Amino acid sequence: QASNTLGTRPDLRPVIDEAHRVGAIAVVDGCQGVVHGGVDVK
């Protein structure tokens, strides 16, 4: 969700949608993101 080195916060929803399109599961590392911006998993 947020790079611990670069600070980059990718736009995750399109990534997750693409994963679901092919039947894959999407796993998010929220270690940095949860404290820098928070999260709504739904």
PDB file of all heavy atoms in Angstrom:
ATOM      1  N   GLN A   1       0.832  -1.203   0.000  1.00  0.00           N
ATOM      2  CA  GLN A   1       0.000   0.000   0.000  1.00  0.00           C
ATOM      3  C   GLN A   1       0.868   1.255   0.000  1.00  0.00           C
ATOM      4  O   GLN A   1       0.468   2.291  -0.527  1.00  0.00           O
ATOM      5  CB  GLN A   1      -0.918  -0.002   1.220  1.00  0.00           C
ATOM      6  CG  GLN A   1      -1.924   1.134   1.237  1.00  0.00           C
ATOM      7  CD  GLN A   1      -2.745   1.162   2.505  1.00  0.00           C
ATOM      8  OE1 GLN A   1      -2.469   0.428   3.454  1.00  0.00           O
ATOM      9  NE2 GLN A   1      -3.763   1.995   2.556  1.00  0.00           N
ATOM     10  N   ALA A   2       2.055   1.156   0.587  1.00  0.00           N
ATOM     11  CA  ALA A   2       3.002   2.275   0.609  1.00  0.00           C
ATOM     12  C   ALA A   2       4.400   1.700   0.773  1.00  0.00           C
ATOM     13  O   ALA A   2       4.656   0.938   1.715  1.00  0.00           O
ATOM     14  CB  ALA A   2       2.691   3.254   1.740  1.00  0.00           C
ATOM     15  N   SER A   3       5.304   2.071  -0.119  1.00  0.00           N
ATOM     16  CA  SER A   3       6.675   1.553  -0.070  1.00  0.00           C
ATOM     17  C   SER A   3       7.399   2.076   1.157  1.00  0.00           C
ATOM     18  O   SER A   3       7.403   3.282   1.423  1.00  0.00           O
ATOM     19  CB  SER A   3       7.438   1.960  -1.333  1.00  0.00           C
ATOM     20  OG  SER A   3       8.830   1.740  -1.181  1.00  0.00           O
ATOM     21  N   ASN A   4       8.047   1.167   1.887  1.00  0.00           N
ATOM     22  CA  ASN A   4       8.780   1.580   3.081  1.00  0.00           C
ATOM     23  C   ASN A   4      10.063   2.318   2.745  1.00  0.00           C
ATOM     24  O   ASN A   4      10.670   2.938   3.613  1.00  0.00           O
ATOM     25  CB  ASN A   4       9.117   0.353   3.950  1.00  0.00           C
ATOM     26  CG  ASN A   4      10.264  -0.468   3.387  1.00  0.00           C
ATOM     27  OD1 ASN A   4      10.257  -0.837   2.208  1.00  0.00           O
ATOM     28  ND2 ASN A   4      11.247  -0.774   4.213  1.00  0.00           N
ATOM     29  N   THR A   5      10.492   2.268   1.485  1.00  0.00           N
ATOM     30  CA  THR A   5      11.730   2.926   1.076  1.00  0.00           C
ATOM     31  C   THR A   5      11.468   4.161   0.217  1.00  0.00           C
ATOM     32  O   THR A   5      12.074   5.215   0.425  1.00  0.00           O
ATOM     33  CB  THR A   5      12.615   1.945   0.281  1.00  0.00           C
ATOM     34  OG1 THR A   5      12.857   0.791   1.084  1.00  0.00           O
ATOM     35  CG2 THR A   5      13.945   2.582  -0.100  1.00  0.00           C
ATOM     36  N   LEU A   6      10.555   4.057  -0.726  1.00  0.00           N
ATOM     37  CA  LEU A   6      10.302   5.144  -1.672  1.00  0.00           C
ATOM     38  C   LEU A   6       9.145   6.038  -1.240  1.00  0.00           C
ATOM     39  O   LEU A   6       9.010   7.152  -1.750  1.00  0.00           O
ATOM     40  CB  LEU A   6      10.004   4.574  -3.062  1.00  0.00           C
ATOM     41  CG  LEU A   6      11.072   3.637  -3.635  1.00  0.00           C
ATOM     42  CD1 LEU A   6      10.598   3.043  -4.956  1.00  0.00           C
ATOM     43  CD2 LEU A   6      12.391   4.373  -3.818  1.00  0.00           C
ATOM     44  N   GLY A   7       8.310   5.553  -0.349  1.00  0.00           N
ATOM     45  CA  GLY A   7       7.131   6.320   0.058  1.00  0.00           C
ATOM     46  C   GLY A   7       5.987   6.240  -0.931  1.00  0.00           C
ATOM     47  O   GLY A   7       4.913   6.792  -0.682  1.00  0.00           O
ATOM     48  N   THR A   8       6.189   5.588  -2.066  1.00  0.00           N
ATOM     49  CA  THR A   8       5.176   5.505  -3.115  1.00  0.00           C
ATOM     50  C   THR A   8       3.906   4.857  -2.586  1.00  0.00           C
ATOM     51  O   THR A   8       3.946   3.827  -1.914  1.00  0.00           O
ATOM     52  CB  THR A   8       5.694   4.672  -4.303  1.00  0.00           C
ATOM     53  OG1 THR A   8       6.911   5.252  -4.767  1.00  0.00           O
ATOM     54  CG2 THR A   8       4.679   4.622  -5.425  1.00  0.00           C
ATOM     55  N   ARG A   9       2.769   5.475  -2.911  1.00  0.00           N
ATOM     56  CA  ARG A   9       1.467   4.904  -2.578  1.00  0.00           C
ATOM     57  C   ARG A   9       0.743   4.583  -3.885  1.00  0.00           C
ATOM     58  O   ARG A   9       0.070   5.439  -4.455  1.00  0.00           O
ATOM     59  CB  ARG A   9       0.650   5.866  -1.714  1.00  0.00           C
ATOM     60  CG  ARG A   9       1.219   6.045  -0.334  1.00  0.00           C
ATOM     61  CD  ARG A   9       0.280   6.771   0.603  1.00  0.00           C
ATOM     62  NE  ARG A   9       0.304   8.204   0.378  1.00  0.00           N
ATOM     63  CZ  ARG A   9      -0.137   9.092   1.271  1.00  0.00           C
ATOM     64  NH1 ARG A   9      -0.631   8.684   2.423  1.00  0.00           N
ATOM     65  NH2 ARG A   9      -0.087  10.380   1.011  1.00  0.00           N
ATOM     66  N   PRO A  10       0.875   3.358  -4.372  1.00  0.00           N
ATOM     67  CA  PRO A  10       0.251   3.014  -5.652  1.00  0.00           C
ATOM     68  C   PRO A  10      -1.275   3.114  -5.573  1.00  0.00           C
ATOM     69  O   PRO A  10      -1.867   2.967  -4.504  1.00  0.00           O
ATOM     70  CB  PRO A  10       0.689   1.560  -5.895  1.00  0.00           C
ATOM     71  CG  PRO A  10       1.835   1.324  -4.966  1.00  0.00           C
ATOM     72  CD  PRO A  10       1.610   2.218  -3.793  1.00  0.00           C
ATOM     73  N   ASP A  11      -1.881   3.358  -6.721  1.00  0.00           N
ATOM     74  CA  ASP A  11      -3.335   3.299  -6.829  1.00  0.00           C
ATOM     75  C   ASP A  11      -3.712   1.820  -6.868  1.00  0.00           C
ATOM     76  O   ASP A  11      -3.594   1.158  -7.904  1.00  0.00           O
ATOM     77  CB  ASP A  11      -3.802   4.020  -8.094  1.00  0.00           C
ATOM     78  CG  ASP A  11      -5.329   4.070  -8.194  1.00  0.00           C
ATOM     79  OD1 ASP A  11      -6.011   3.587  -7.268  1.00  0.00           O
ATOM     80  OD2 ASP A  11      -5.832   4.582  -9.211  1.00  0.00           O
ATOM     81  N   LEU A  12      -4.155   1.290  -5.737  1.00  0.00           N
ATOM     82  CA  LEU A  12      -4.316  -0.155  -5.601  1.00  0.00           C
ATOM     83  C   LEU A  12      -5.601  -0.694  -6.204  1.00  0.00           C
ATOM     84  O   LEU A  12      -5.647  -1.863  -6.595  1.00  0.00           O
ATOM     85  CB  LEU A  12      -4.249  -0.551  -4.129  1.00  0.00           C
ATOM     86  CG  LEU A  12      -2.885  -0.458  -3.460  1.00  0.00           C
ATOM     87  CD1 LEU A  12      -2.974  -1.016  -2.046  1.00  0.00           C
ATOM     88  CD2 LEU A  12      -1.823  -1.210  -4.249  1.00  0.00           C
ATOM     89  N   ARG A  13      -6.650   0.090  -6.262  1.00  0.00           N
ATOM     90  CA  ARG A  13      -7.921  -0.465  -6.713  1.00  0.00           C
ATOM     91  C   ARG A  13      -7.833  -1.040  -8.135  1.00  0.00           C
ATOM     92  O   ARG A  13      -8.327  -2.160  -8.373  1.00  0.00           O
ATOM     93  CB  ARG A  13      -9.029   0.584  -6.617  1.00  0.00           C
ATOM     94  CG  ARG A  13     -10.421   0.005  -6.895  1.00  0.00           C
ATOM     95  CD  ARG A  13     -10.733  -1.178  -5.978  1.00  0.00           C
ATOM     96  NE  ARG A  13     -11.871  -1.939  -6.444  1.00  0.00           N
ATOM     97  CZ  ARG A  13     -13.105  -1.815  -5.951  1.00  0.00           C
ATOM     98  NH1 ARG A  13     -13.342  -0.957  -4.964  1.00  0.00           N
ATOM     99  NH2 ARG A  13     -14.085  -2.536  -6.426  1.00  0.00           N
ATOM    100  N   PRO A  14      -7.197  -0.359  -9.104  1.00  0.00           N
ATOM    101  CA  PRO A  14      -7.052  -0.985 -10.425  1.00  0.00           C
ATOM    102  C   PRO A  14      -6.228  -2.268 -10.393  1.00  0.00           C
ATOM    103  O   PRO A  14      -6.515  -3.206 -11.146  1.00  0.00           O
ATOM    104  CB  PRO A  14      -6.350   0.099 -11.256  1.00  0.00           C
ATOM    105  CG  PRO A  14      -6.655   1.375 -10.566  1.00  0.00           C
ATOM    106  CD  PRO A  14      -6.711   1.036  -9.115  1.00  0.00           C
ATOM    107  N   VAL A  15      -5.221  -2.337  -9.527  1.00  0.00           N
ATOM    108  CA  VAL A  15      -4.410  -3.551  -9.399  1.00  0.00           C
ATOM    109  C   VAL A  15      -5.271  -4.694  -8.881  1.00  0.00           C
ATOM    110  O   VAL A  15      -5.225  -5.830  -9.398  1.00  0.00           O
ATOM    111  CB  VAL A  15      -3.217  -3.298  -8.449  1.00  0.00           C
ATOM    112  CG1 VAL A  15      -2.464  -4.596  -8.183  1.00  0.00           C
ATOM    113  CG2 VAL A  15      -2.280  -2.247  -9.033  1.00  0.00           C
ATOM    114  N   ILE A  16      -6.065  -4.410  -7.866  1.00  0.00           N
ATOM    115  CA  ILE A  16      -6.927  -5.435  -7.282  1.00  0.00           C
ATOM    116  C   ILE A  16      -7.995  -5.883  -8.276  1.00  0.00           C
ATOM    117  O   ILE A  16      -8.286  -7.081  -8.405  1.00  0.00           O
ATOM    118  CB  ILE A  16      -7.544  -4.907  -5.973  1.00  0.00           C
ATOM    119  CG1 ILE A  16      -6.438  -4.737  -4.919  1.00  0.00           C
ATOM    120  CG2 ILE A  16      -8.645  -5.826  -5.464  1.00  0.00           C
ATOM    121  CD1 ILE A  16      -6.852  -3.959  -3.708  1.00  0.00           C
ATOM    122  N   ASP A  17      -8.557  -4.925  -8.997  1.00  0.00           N
ATOM    123  CA  ASP A  17      -9.566  -5.275  -9.999  1.00  0.00           C
ATOM    124  C   ASP A  17      -8.983  -6.170 -11.090  1.00  0.00           C
ATOM    125  O   ASP A  17      -9.638  -7.116 -11.550  1.00  0.00           O
ATOM    126  CB  ASP A  17     -10.148  -4.007 -10.623  1.00  0.00           C
ATOM    127  CG  ASP A  17     -11.048  -3.235  -9.654  1.00  0.00           C
ATOM    128  OD1 ASP A  17     -11.448  -3.817  -8.624  1.00  0.00           O
ATOM    129  OD2 ASP A  17     -11.337  -2.053  -9.929  1.00  0.00           O
ATOM    130  N   GLU A  18      -7.755  -5.886 -11.515  1.00  0.00           N
ATOM    131  CA  GLU A  18      -7.103  -6.718 -12.532  1.00  0.00           C
ATOM    132  C   GLU A  18      -6.849  -8.129 -12.007  1.00  0.00           C
ATOM    133  O   GLU A  18      -7.006  -9.115 -12.729  1.00  0.00           O
ATOM    134  CB  GLU A  18      -5.792  -6.074 -12.984  1.00  0.00           C
ATOM    135  CG  GLU A  18      -5.950  -4.951 -13.992  1.00  0.00           C
ATOM    136  CD  GLU A  18      -6.502  -5.452 -15.325  1.00  0.00           C
ATOM    137  OE1 GLU A  18      -6.014  -6.487 -15.822  1.00  0.00           O
ATOM    138  OE2 GLU A  18      -7.423  -4.808 -15.845  1.00  0.00           O
ATOM    139  N   ALA A  19      -6.439  -8.218 -10.749  1.00  0.00           N
ATOM    140  CA  ALA A  19      -6.223  -9.534 -10.151  1.00  0.00           C
ATOM    141  C   ALA A  19      -7.513 -10.337 -10.146  1.00  0.00           C
ATOM    142  O   ALA A  19      -7.548 -11.514 -10.533  1.00  0.00           O
ATOM    143  CB  ALA A  19      -5.674  -9.378  -8.733  1.00  0.00           C
ATOM    144  N   HIS A  20      -8.593  -9.699  -9.726  1.00  0.00           N
ATOM    145  CA  HIS A  20      -9.873 -10.390  -9.667  1.00  0.00           C
ATOM    146  C   HIS A  20     -10.378 -10.765 -11.063  1.00  0.00           C
ATOM    147  O   HIS A  20     -11.079 -11.776 -11.221  1.00  0.00           O
ATOM    148  CB  HIS A  20     -10.904  -9.508  -8.948  1.00  0.00           C
ATOM    149  CG  HIS A  20     -10.627  -9.356  -7.487  1.00  0.00           C
ATOM    150  ND1 HIS A  20     -11.219  -8.380  -6.705  1.00  0.00           N
ATOM    151  CD2 HIS A  20      -9.817 -10.068  -6.657  1.00  0.00           C
ATOM    152  CE1 HIS A  20     -10.795  -8.498  -5.467  1.00  0.00           C
ATOM    153  NE2 HIS A  20      -9.934  -9.501  -5.404  1.00  0.00           N
ATOM    154  N   ARG A  21     -10.026  -9.974 -12.046  1.00  0.00           N
ATOM    155  CA  ARG A  21     -10.476 -10.252 -13.424  1.00  0.00           C
ATOM    156  C   ARG A  21     -10.003 -11.618 -13.899  1.00  0.00           C
ATOM    157  O   ARG A  21     -10.710 -12.295 -14.654  1.00  0.00           O
ATOM    158  CB  ARG A  21      -9.970  -9.150 -14.365  1.00  0.00           C
ATOM    159  CG  ARG A  21     -10.411  -9.304 -15.815  1.00  0.00           C
ATOM    160  CD  ARG A  21      -9.860  -8.187 -16.676  1.00  0.00           C
ATOM    161  NE  ARG A  21      -8.399  -8.163 -16.686  1.00  0.00           N
ATOM    162  CZ  ARG A  21      -7.653  -8.949 -17.464  1.00  0.00           C
ATOM    163  NH1 ARG A  21      -8.211  -9.831 -18.276  1.00  0.00           N
ATOM    164  NH2 ARG A  21      -6.328  -8.855 -17.411  1.00  0.00           N
ATOM    165  N   VAL A  22      -8.809 -12.039 -13.459  1.00  0.00           N
ATOM    166  CA  VAL A  22      -8.282 -13.341 -13.885  1.00  0.00           C
ATOM    167  C   VAL A  22      -8.479 -14.407 -12.815  1.00  0.00           C
ATOM    168  O   VAL A  22      -7.937 -15.507 -12.905  1.00  0.00           O
ATOM    169  CB  VAL A  22      -6.788 -13.237 -14.276  1.00  0.00           C
ATOM    170  CG1 VAL A  22      -6.601 -12.308 -15.460  1.00  0.00           C
ATOM    171  CG2 VAL A  22      -5.928 -12.805 -13.084  1.00  0.00           C
ATOM    172  N   GLY A  23      -9.232 -14.072 -11.762  1.00  0.00           N
ATOM    173  CA  GLY A  23      -9.517 -15.049 -10.726  1.00  0.00           C
ATOM    174  C   GLY A  23      -8.454 -15.186  -9.658  1.00  0.00           C
ATOM    175  O   GLY A  23      -8.473 -16.160  -8.886  1.00  0.00           O
ATOM    176  N   ALA A  24      -7.517 -14.231  -9.588  1.00  0.00           N
ATOM    177  CA  ALA A  24      -6.465 -14.272  -8.573  1.00  0.00           C
ATOM    178  C   ALA A  24      -6.922 -13.543  -7.314  1.00  0.00           C
ATOM    179  O   ALA A  24      -7.847 -12.724  -7.344  1.00  0.00           O
ATOM    180  CB  ALA A  24      -5.185 -13.639  -9.105  1.00  0.00           C
ATOM    181  N   ILE A  25      -6.268 -13.822  -6.193  1.00  0.00           N
ATOM    182  CA  ILE A  25      -6.524 -13.078  -4.968  1.00  0.00           C
ATOM    183  C   ILE A  25      -5.523 -11.933  -4.862  1.00  0.00           C
ATOM    184  O   ILE A  25      -4.400 -12.015  -5.370  1.00  0.00           O
ATOM    185  CB  ILE A  25      -6.463 -13.967  -3.715  1.00  0.00           C
ATOM    186  CG1 ILE A  25      -5.062 -14.550  -3.517  1.00  0.00           C
ATOM    187  CG2 ILE A  25      -7.511 -15.063  -3.772  1.00  0.00           C
ATOM    188  CD1 ILE A  25      -4.866 -15.220  -2.168  1.00  0.00           C
ATOM    189  N   ALA A  26      -5.934 -10.866  -4.200  1.00  0.00           N
ATOM    190  CA  ALA A  26      -5.087  -9.689  -4.019  1.00  0.00           C
ATOM    191  C   ALA A  26      -4.687  -9.579  -2.552  1.00  0.00           C
ATOM    192  O   ALA A  26      -5.550  -9.538  -1.667  1.00  0.00           O
ATOM    193  CB  ALA A  26      -5.814  -8.431  -4.462  1.00  0.00           C
ATOM    194  N   VAL A  27      -3.380  -9.534  -2.316  1.00  0.00           N
ATOM    195  CA  VAL A  27      -2.827  -9.445  -0.967  1.00  0.00           C
ATOM    196  C   VAL A  27      -2.109  -8.103  -0.837  1.00  0.00           C
ATOM    197  O   VAL A  27      -1.253  -7.775  -1.659  1.00  0.00           O
ATOM    198  CB  VAL A  27      -1.845 -10.595  -0.694  1.00  0.00           C
ATOM    199  CG1 VAL A  27      -1.269 -10.478   0.716  1.00  0.00           C
ATOM    200  CG2 VAL A  27      -2.528 -11.941  -0.892  1.00  0.00           C
ATOM    201  N   VAL A  28      -2.452  -7.335   0.186  1.00  0.00           N
ATOM    202  CA  VAL A  28      -1.882  -5.997   0.365  1.00  0.00           C
ATOM    203  C   VAL A  28      -1.051  -5.950   1.641  1.00  0.00           C
ATOM    204  O   VAL A  28      -1.518  -6.336   2.718  1.00  0.00           O
ATOM    205  CB  VAL A  28      -2.989  -4.922   0.418  1.00  0.00           C
ATOM    206  CG1 VAL A  28      -2.381  -3.540   0.699  1.00  0.00           C
ATOM    207  CG2 VAL A  28      -3.769  -4.895  -0.884  1.00  0.00           C
ATOM    208  N   ASP A  29       0.196  -5.476   1.502  1.00  0.00           N
ATOM    209  CA  ASP A  29       1.060  -5.185   2.645  1.00  0.00           C
ATOM    210  C   ASP A  29       0.723  -3.776   3.118  1.00  0.00           C
ATOM    211  O   ASP A  29       1.045  -2.797   2.451  1.00  0.00           O
ATOM    212  CB  ASP A  29       2.526  -5.286   2.220  1.00  0.00           C
ATOM    213  CG  ASP A  29       3.485  -4.823   3.313  1.00  0.00           C
ATOM    214  OD1 ASP A  29       3.032  -4.476   4.424  1.00  0.00           O
ATOM    215  OD2 ASP A  29       4.703  -4.797   3.049  1.00  0.00           O
ATOM    216  N   GLY A  30       0.076  -3.686   4.280  1.00  0.00           N
ATOM    217  CA  GLY A  30      -0.363  -2.385   4.768  1.00  0.00           C
ATOM    218  C   GLY A  30       0.487  -1.804   5.875  1.00  0.00           C
ATOM    219  O   GLY A  30       0.059  -0.867   6.550  1.00  0.00           O
ATOM    220  N   CYS A  31       1.702  -2.320   6.065  1.00  0.00           N
ATOM    221  CA  CYS A  31       2.519  -1.885   7.205  1.00  0.00           C
ATOM    222  C   CYS A  31       2.744  -0.382   7.230  1.00  0.00           C
ATOM    223  O   CYS A  31       2.638   0.250   8.284  1.00  0.00           O
ATOM    224  CB  CYS A  31       3.852  -2.629   7.198  1.00  0.00           C
ATOM    225  SG  CYS A  31       3.737  -4.305   7.840  1.00  0.00           S
ATOM    226  N   GLN A  32       3.090   0.196   6.088  1.00  0.00           N
ATOM    227  CA  GLN A  32       3.287   1.649   6.035  1.00  0.00           C
ATOM    228  C   GLN A  32       1.966   2.369   5.772  1.00  0.00           C
ATOM    229  O   GLN A  32       1.720   3.452   6.306  1.00  0.00           O
ATOM    230  CB  GLN A  32       4.298   2.006   4.940  1.00  0.00           C
ATOM    231  CG  GLN A  32       5.693   1.467   5.161  1.00  0.00           C
ATOM    232  CD  GLN A  32       6.405   2.137   6.321  1.00  0.00           C
ATOM    233  OE1 GLN A  32       6.077   3.252   6.711  1.00  0.00           O
ATOM    234  NE2 GLN A  32       7.379   1.455   6.886  1.00  0.00           N
ATOM    235  N   GLY A  33       1.128   1.776   4.939  1.00  0.00           N
ATOM    236  CA  GLY A  33      -0.109   2.445   4.547  1.00  0.00           C
ATOM    237  C   GLY A  33      -1.081   2.650   5.694  1.00  0.00           C
ATOM    238  O   GLY A  33      -1.783   3.663   5.750  1.00  0.00           O
ATOM    239  N   VAL A  34      -1.116   1.705   6.634  1.00  0.00           N
ATOM    240  CA  VAL A  34      -2.108   1.815   7.702  1.00  0.00           C
ATOM    241  C   VAL A  34      -1.847   3.017   8.591  1.00  0.00           C
ATOM    242  O   VAL A  34      -2.782   3.601   9.153  1.00  0.00           O
ATOM    243  CB  VAL A  34      -2.146   0.504   8.539  1.00  0.00           C
ATOM    244  CG1 VAL A  34      -0.918   0.376   9.433  1.00  0.00           C
ATOM    245  CG2 VAL A  34      -3.430   0.406   9.347  1.00  0.00           C
ATOM    246  N   VAL A  35      -0.603   3.428   8.718  1.00  0.00           N
ATOM    247  CA  VAL A  35      -0.264   4.582   9.555  1.00  0.00           C
ATOM    248  C   VAL A  35      -0.113   5.859   8.733  1.00  0.00           C
ATOM    249  O   VAL A  35      -0.165   6.955   9.274  1.00  0.00           O
ATOM    250  CB  VAL A  35       1.023   4.301  10.367  1.00  0.00           C
ATOM    251  CG1 VAL A  35       2.260   4.301   9.481  1.00  0.00           C
ATOM    252  CG2 VAL A  35       1.174   5.292  11.515  1.00  0.00           C
ATOM    253  N   HIS A  36       0.070   5.726   7.429  1.00  0.00           N
ATOM    254  CA  HIS A  36       0.163   6.900   6.549  1.00  0.00           C
ATOM    255  C   HIS A  36      -1.048   6.904   5.616  1.00  0.00           C
ATOM    256  O   HIS A  36      -0.965   6.546   4.452  1.00  0.00           O
ATOM    257  CB  HIS A  36       1.453   6.869   5.724  1.00  0.00           C
ATOM    258  CG  HIS A  36       2.701   7.009   6.542  1.00  0.00           C
ATOM    259  ND1 HIS A  36       2.975   8.134   7.293  1.00  0.00           N
ATOM    260  CD2 HIS A  36       3.753   6.172   6.728  1.00  0.00           C
ATOM    261  CE1 HIS A  36       4.137   7.985   7.904  1.00  0.00           C
ATOM    262  NE2 HIS A  36       4.629   6.803   7.583  1.00  0.00           N
ATOM    263  N   GLY A  37      -2.192   7.279   6.161  1.00  0.00           N
ATOM    264  CA  GLY A  37      -3.387   7.381   5.332  1.00  0.00           C
ATOM    265  C   GLY A  37      -4.505   6.443   5.733  1.00  0.00           C
ATOM    266  O   GLY A  37      -5.665   6.681   5.409  1.00  0.00           O
ATOM    267  N   GLY A  38      -4.185   5.348   6.420  1.00  0.00           N
ATOM    268  CA  GLY A  38      -5.220   4.429   6.863  1.00  0.00           C
ATOM    269  C   GLY A  38      -5.751   3.558   5.738  1.00  0.00           C
ATOM    270  O   GLY A  38      -5.233   3.569   4.616  1.00  0.00           O
ATOM    271  N   VAL A  39      -6.810   2.795   6.030  1.00  0.00           N
ATOM    272  CA  VAL A  39      -7.333   1.854   5.047  1.00  0.00           C
ATOM    273  C   VAL A  39      -8.812   1.597   5.285  1.00  0.00           C
ATOM    274  O   VAL A  39      -9.287   1.640   6.425  1.00  0.00           O
ATOM    275  CB  VAL A  39      -6.562   0.513   5.103  1.00  0.00           C
ATOM    276  CG1 VAL A  39      -6.795  -0.197   6.432  1.00  0.00           C
ATOM    277  CG2 VAL A  39      -6.947  -0.396   3.946  1.00  0.00           C
ATOM    278  N   ASP A  40      -9.516   1.361   4.177  1.00  0.00           N
ATOM    279  CA  ASP A  40     -10.887   0.857   4.199  1.00  0.00           C
ATOM    280  C   ASP A  40     -10.858  -0.405   3.350  1.00  0.00           C
ATOM    281  O   ASP A  40     -10.867  -0.346   2.122  1.00  0.00           O
ATOM    282  CB  ASP A  40     -11.851   1.892   3.604  1.00  0.00           C
ATOM    283  CG  ASP A  40     -13.303   1.430   3.629  1.00  0.00           C
ATOM    284  OD1 ASP A  40     -13.543   0.206   3.679  1.00  0.00           O
ATOM    285  OD2 ASP A  40     -14.206   2.287   3.570  1.00  0.00           O
ATOM    286  N   VAL A  41     -10.790  -1.570   4.004  1.00  0.00           N
ATOM    287  CA  VAL A  41     -10.589  -2.816   3.263  1.00  0.00           C
ATOM    288  C   VAL A  41     -11.787  -3.146   2.374  1.00  0.00           C
ATOM    289  O   VAL A  41     -11.634  -3.783   1.332  1.00  0.00           O
ATOM    290  CB  VAL A  41     -10.268  -3.997   4.207  1.00  0.00           C
ATOM    291  CG1 VAL A  41      -8.894  -3.831   4.823  1.00  0.00           C
ATOM    292  CG2 VAL A  41     -11.335  -4.155   5.281  1.00  0.00           C
ATOM    293  N   LYS A  42     -12.969  -2.706   2.778  1.00  0.00           N
ATOM    294  CA  LYS A  42     -14.138  -2.970   1.934  1.00  0.00           C
ATOM    295  C   LYS A  42     -14.086  -2.151   0.653  1.00  0.00           C
ATOM    296  O   LYS A  42     -14.381  -2.648  -0.433  1.00  0.00           O
ATOM    297  CB  LYS A  42     -15.420  -2.687   2.717  1.00  0.00           C
ATOM    298  CG  LYS A  42     -15.682  -3.695   3.825  1.00  0.00           C
ATOM    299  CD  LYS A  42     -17.026  -3.445   4.489  1.00  0.00           C
ATOM    300  CE  LYS A  42     -17.311  -4.499   5.550  1.00  0.00           C
ATOM    301  NZ  LYS A  42     -18.620  -4.268   6.224  1.00  0.00           N
TER     302      LYS A  42
END
